[in-house]
Amino acid sequence: MRTIRSYIDATLKPEQELVLPELVSNHIVRVLRLETGDIFHLFNGDGHDYPCRILSLEKRGARVRILEKTAVSNESPLRIHLFQSIARGEKMDWILQKATELGVAEFTPMVSDRTEVKLDGERSDKKLAHWQGVVRSACEQSGRASVPVVNPPIAIHRIDAAGMAGAFYLQPDAESGIAGLAIPADGRIVLAIGPEGGFTERDIRLLQTAGFSGLRVGPRILRTETAGIAVTAALQSHYGDW
């Protein structure tokens, strides 16, 4: 049976009692129909699950008691950092969700020459908060207790991967493929994924200057919402925990 898990931005410890935030309470009570006495898990991104019991359902929210602290050991040995050119509409949410399920450890939304989504100021802050929520929800579903970092968007000319042994951008005619890659001992891999329309020559020059190498992923052109997912899955199969 699936374990019900909810993210909470709070310090947690065994025997602690707390009233859950309204959003969490609404989800477990109104959506999942949990009742007094039921047990579910909280997590806060520290690598542990916290099984807890519902003590009472109050107007302010559900009151729970944490029963124990349980280590969760399902993080990939690969520490994949995905620089994803910002995609339009729900595509970006889909990329973040699926890549989290596949084990990506860090995301940086990227603005490259052909990126059609432009963010600044308040809109950028709202998008970032939304993307962080998408990643947390994906952790709830997939059982991850360490929440991937979602960094603020960055322009491609500001990226610096110098000194990183495993930094790659996708290039259909690159010499290197996934099989036979020299994966760094610490498992850190940085992937740069182009936008709809692909990287421009300027983008590629900037990435190469920043320390990235080309990586070939088959003979077909992948969409931006497919590329990062496909590469992550292949890397997990060859070098990760699949």
Protein backbone atom coordinates (compact mmCIF):
# COMPACT_ATOMS: atom_id res chain seq x y z
CA MET A 1 0.00 0.00 0.00
CA ARG A 2 1.27 3.47 -0.89
CA THR A 3 2.63 5.55 1.98
CA ILE A 4 0.96 8.96 2.24
CA ARG A 5 3.63 11.64 2.53
CA SER A 6 3.39 15.43 2.88
CA TYR A 7 6.10 18.06 2.78
CA ILE A 8 6.27 20.62 5.57
CA ASP A 9 8.71 23.49 5.97
CA ALA A 10 9.47 22.99 9.64
CA THR A 11 11.92 21.37 12.03
CA LEU A 12 10.63 17.94 13.04
CA LYS A 13 11.52 15.53 15.85
CA PRO A 14 10.01 12.43 17.52
CA GLU A 15 7.27 13.01 20.14
CA GLN A 16 6.71 16.53 18.83
CA GLU A 17 3.10 17.70 18.54
CA LEU A 18 2.14 20.34 16.01
CA VAL A 19 -0.79 21.77 14.11
CA LEU A 20 -0.29 21.31 10.40
CA PRO A 21 -0.41 24.28 8.02
CA GLU A 22 -3.75 24.82 6.32
CA LEU A 23 -2.64 23.55 2.90
CA VAL A 24 -1.25 20.32 4.35
CA SER A 25 -4.31 19.81 6.56
CA ASN A 26 -6.70 20.36 3.65
CA HIS A 27 -4.83 17.85 1.53
CA ILE A 28 -4.73 15.03 4.07
CA VAL A 29 -8.26 15.59 5.42
CA ARG A 30 -10.36 16.82 2.49
CA VAL A 31 -8.52 15.19 -0.39
CA LEU A 32 -7.11 12.01 1.14
CA ARG A 33 -9.91 11.61 3.71
CA LEU A 34 -7.64 10.77 6.63
CA GLU A 35 -9.24 10.76 10.07
CA THR A 36 -8.26 10.97 13.73
CA GLY A 37 -5.97 8.06 14.58
CA ASP A 38 -4.67 7.60 11.02
CA ILE A 39 -0.92 7.54 10.38
CA PHE A 40 0.92 9.24 7.52
CA HIS A 41 4.43 10.59 6.94
CA LEU A 42 5.79 14.12 7.05
CA PHE A 43 9.15 15.13 5.58
CA ASN A 44 11.06 18.40 5.46
CA GLY A 45 13.91 17.64 3.07
CA ASP A 46 16.47 16.56 5.68
CA GLY A 47 16.68 13.00 4.34
CA HIS A 48 14.22 11.48 6.81
CA ASP A 49 10.55 10.58 6.99
CA TYR A 50 8.58 11.33 10.14
CA PRO A 51 5.63 8.95 10.64
CA CYS A 52 2.94 10.76 12.61
CA ARG A 53 -0.52 10.10 13.97
CA ILE A 54 -3.49 12.46 13.66
CA LEU A 55 -4.55 13.42 17.20
CA SER A 56 -7.47 15.69 16.36
CA LEU A 57 -9.06 17.67 13.56
CA GLU A 58 -9.33 21.30 14.61
CA LYS A 59 -10.49 24.49 12.91
CA ARG A 60 -6.91 25.69 12.66
CA GLY A 61 -5.78 22.43 11.10
CA ALA A 62 -5.02 18.82 11.98
CA ARG A 63 -3.00 18.27 15.18
CA VAL A 64 -0.49 15.43 14.89
CA ARG A 65 2.19 13.72 16.97
CA ILE A 66 5.42 12.61 15.35
CA LEU A 67 6.10 8.98 16.22
CA GLU A 68 9.68 8.48 15.04
CA LYS A 69 12.44 9.63 12.69
CA THR A 70 13.23 7.25 9.83
CA ALA A 71 16.20 7.59 7.48
CA VAL A 72 15.33 7.33 3.78
CA SER A 73 18.09 5.92 1.57
CA ASN A 74 16.84 6.23 -1.99
CA GLU A 75 18.98 9.05 -3.39
CA SER A 76 20.90 8.26 -6.56
CA PRO A 77 24.71 7.97 -6.43
CA LEU A 78 24.64 10.40 -9.37
CA ARG A 79 24.30 14.05 -8.38
CA ILE A 80 22.76 15.38 -11.57
CA HIS A 81 22.40 19.15 -11.93
CA LEU A 82 20.02 20.01 -14.77
CA PHE A 83 20.37 23.40 -16.45
CA GLN A 84 17.05 23.46 -18.29
CA SER A 85 16.21 26.18 -20.80
CA ILE A 86 12.86 27.49 -19.61
CA ALA A 87 10.03 25.82 -21.52
CA ARG A 88 6.61 27.26 -22.23
CA GLY A 89 3.41 26.53 -20.31
CA GLU A 90 3.14 23.25 -18.44
CA LYS A 91 6.18 21.74 -20.14
CA MET A 92 8.51 23.18 -17.50
CA ASP A 93 6.40 21.69 -14.70
CA TRP A 94 6.46 18.32 -16.45
CA ILE A 95 10.26 18.42 -16.82
CA LEU A 96 10.78 19.28 -13.15
CA GLN A 97 8.32 16.65 -11.97
CA LYS A 98 9.67 13.76 -14.03
CA ALA A 99 13.33 14.64 -13.50
CA THR A 100 12.72 14.72 -9.74
CA GLU A 101 11.16 11.27 -9.92
CA LEU A 102 14.23 10.08 -11.83
CA GLY A 103 16.62 11.38 -9.17
CA VAL A 104 17.93 14.76 -10.36
CA ALA A 105 19.53 16.56 -7.41
CA GLU A 106 19.50 20.19 -8.56
CA PHE A 107 17.79 22.37 -11.16
CA THR A 108 18.70 25.73 -12.65
CA PRO A 109 16.18 27.26 -15.09
CA MET A 110 18.21 28.77 -17.92
CA VAL A 111 17.61 31.59 -20.40
CA SER A 112 19.36 30.90 -23.71
CA ASP A 113 19.10 32.73 -27.03
CA ARG A 114 15.93 30.98 -28.22
CA THR A 115 14.19 30.82 -24.84
CA GLU A 116 10.72 32.27 -25.41
CA VAL A 117 9.77 32.65 -21.74
CA LYS A 118 11.16 35.86 -20.26
CA LEU A 119 11.10 36.34 -16.50
CA ASP A 120 12.01 39.32 -14.36
CA GLY A 121 11.26 40.75 -10.95
CA GLU A 122 8.07 39.61 -9.25
CA ARG A 123 7.12 37.22 -12.04
CA SER A 124 10.46 35.42 -11.68
CA ASP A 125 9.97 35.08 -7.91
CA LYS A 126 6.46 33.65 -8.36
CA LYS A 127 7.64 31.18 -10.99
CA LEU A 128 10.52 30.05 -8.80
CA ALA A 129 8.18 29.44 -5.85
CA HIS A 130 5.82 27.53 -8.14
CA TRP A 131 8.63 25.34 -9.51
CA GLN A 132 9.85 24.59 -5.98
CA GLY A 133 6.32 23.46 -5.14
CA VAL A 134 6.27 21.17 -8.18
CA VAL A 135 9.51 19.55 -7.05
CA ARG A 136 8.27 19.08 -3.47
CA SER A 137 5.08 17.44 -4.75
CA ALA A 138 7.14 15.11 -6.93
CA CYS A 139 9.16 14.14 -3.83
CA GLU A 140 5.92 13.36 -1.96
CA GLN A 141 4.86 10.97 -4.72
CA SER A 142 8.22 9.37 -5.45
CA GLY A 143 9.31 8.77 -1.86
CA ARG A 144 12.31 11.10 -1.88
CA ALA A 145 13.11 12.72 1.47
CA SER A 146 15.86 15.00 0.12
CA VAL A 147 14.28 17.79 -1.91
CA PRO A 148 16.21 18.89 -5.02
CA VAL A 149 17.37 22.50 -5.10
CA VAL A 150 15.65 24.78 -7.61
CA ASN A 151 17.88 27.79 -8.22
CA PRO A 152 16.75 31.17 -9.53
CA PRO A 153 16.80 31.46 -13.35
CA ILE A 154 20.16 32.32 -14.89
CA ALA A 155 21.24 33.71 -18.26
CA ILE A 156 23.39 31.30 -20.24
CA HIS A 157 26.33 33.71 -20.39
CA ARG A 158 26.54 33.67 -16.57
CA ILE A 159 26.98 29.90 -16.25
CA ASP A 160 30.37 28.67 -15.12
CA ALA A 161 31.20 24.96 -15.03
CA ALA A 162 34.96 25.45 -15.09
CA GLY A 163 36.73 22.71 -13.17
CA MET A 164 33.76 20.33 -13.36
CA ALA A 165 34.71 16.99 -14.85
CA GLY A 166 31.19 16.06 -15.92
CA ALA A 167 29.54 19.06 -17.61
CA PHE A 168 27.74 18.39 -20.90
CA TYR A 169 25.36 20.03 -23.35
CA LEU A 170 23.35 17.95 -25.82
CA GLN A 171 24.65 18.01 -29.38
CA PRO A 172 23.41 15.51 -32.02
CA ASP A 173 26.78 15.33 -33.81
CA ALA A 174 29.00 15.21 -30.70
CA GLU A 175 31.71 12.55 -30.60
CA SER A 176 30.92 11.35 -27.07
CA GLY A 177 27.83 9.29 -26.24
CA ILE A 178 26.55 8.16 -22.86
CA ALA A 179 28.17 4.73 -23.04
CA GLY A 180 31.80 5.02 -22.02
CA LEU A 181 31.58 8.39 -20.28
CA ALA A 182 34.10 9.01 -17.53
CA ILE A 183 31.81 9.77 -14.60
CA PRO A 184 33.49 11.81 -11.81
CA ALA A 185 34.17 9.92 -8.59
CA ASP A 186 31.72 12.12 -6.68
CA GLY A 187 28.97 11.34 -9.19
CA ARG A 188 28.41 14.99 -10.07
CA ILE A 189 27.11 15.54 -13.60
CA VAL A 190 25.93 18.84 -15.06
CA LEU A 191 23.58 18.77 -18.06
CA ALA A 192 22.56 21.76 -20.17
CA ILE A 193 19.34 21.31 -22.17
CA GLY A 194 18.41 23.67 -24.99
CA PRO A 195 15.06 25.35 -25.59
CA GLU A 196 12.47 24.73 -28.30
CA GLY A 197 14.51 25.44 -31.40
CA GLY A 198 17.76 24.23 -29.83
CA PHE A 199 20.95 26.00 -28.85
CA THR A 200 22.32 28.70 -31.14
CA GLU A 201 25.99 28.75 -32.17
CA ARG A 202 26.49 31.55 -29.65
CA ASP A 203 24.94 29.42 -26.91
CA ILE A 204 27.32 26.57 -27.72
CA ARG A 205 30.35 28.86 -27.68
CA LEU A 206 29.30 30.21 -24.29
CA LEU A 207 28.80 26.70 -22.90
CA GLN A 208 32.14 25.52 -24.22
CA THR A 209 33.85 28.55 -22.70
CA ALA A 210 32.08 27.75 -19.42
CA GLY A 211 33.56 24.23 -19.42
CA PHE A 212 30.85 22.12 -21.07
CA SER A 213 31.48 19.36 -23.63
CA GLY A 214 29.08 18.06 -26.28
CA LEU A 215 27.12 14.87 -25.59
CA ARG A 216 25.37 12.78 -28.23
CA VAL A 217 22.07 11.08 -27.35
CA GLY A 218 21.12 8.99 -30.36
CA PRO A 219 20.56 10.06 -33.97
CA ARG A 220 17.19 11.75 -33.44
CA ILE A 221 16.38 15.28 -32.32
CA LEU A 222 14.65 15.33 -28.92
CA ARG A 223 12.21 17.98 -27.77
CA THR A 224 13.28 20.12 -24.84
CA GLU A 225 10.75 18.39 -22.56
CA THR A 226 12.09 14.97 -23.61
CA ALA A 227 15.84 15.55 -23.68
CA GLY A 228 16.67 16.00 -19.99
CA ILE A 229 14.36 13.15 -18.98
CA ALA A 230 15.83 10.78 -21.56
CA VAL A 231 19.44 11.60 -20.66
CA THR A 232 18.78 11.28 -16.94
CA ALA A 233 17.15 7.89 -17.44
CA ALA A 234 20.06 6.69 -19.57
CA LEU A 235 22.63 7.90 -17.04
CA GLN A 236 20.77 6.20 -14.21
CA SER A 237 20.69 2.97 -16.22
CA HIS A 238 24.40 3.05 -17.06
CA TYR A 239 25.93 4.59 -13.92
CA GLY A 240 23.21 5.15 -11.31
CA ASP A 241 20.97 2.93 -9.21
CA TRP A 242 18.77 1.23 -11.80
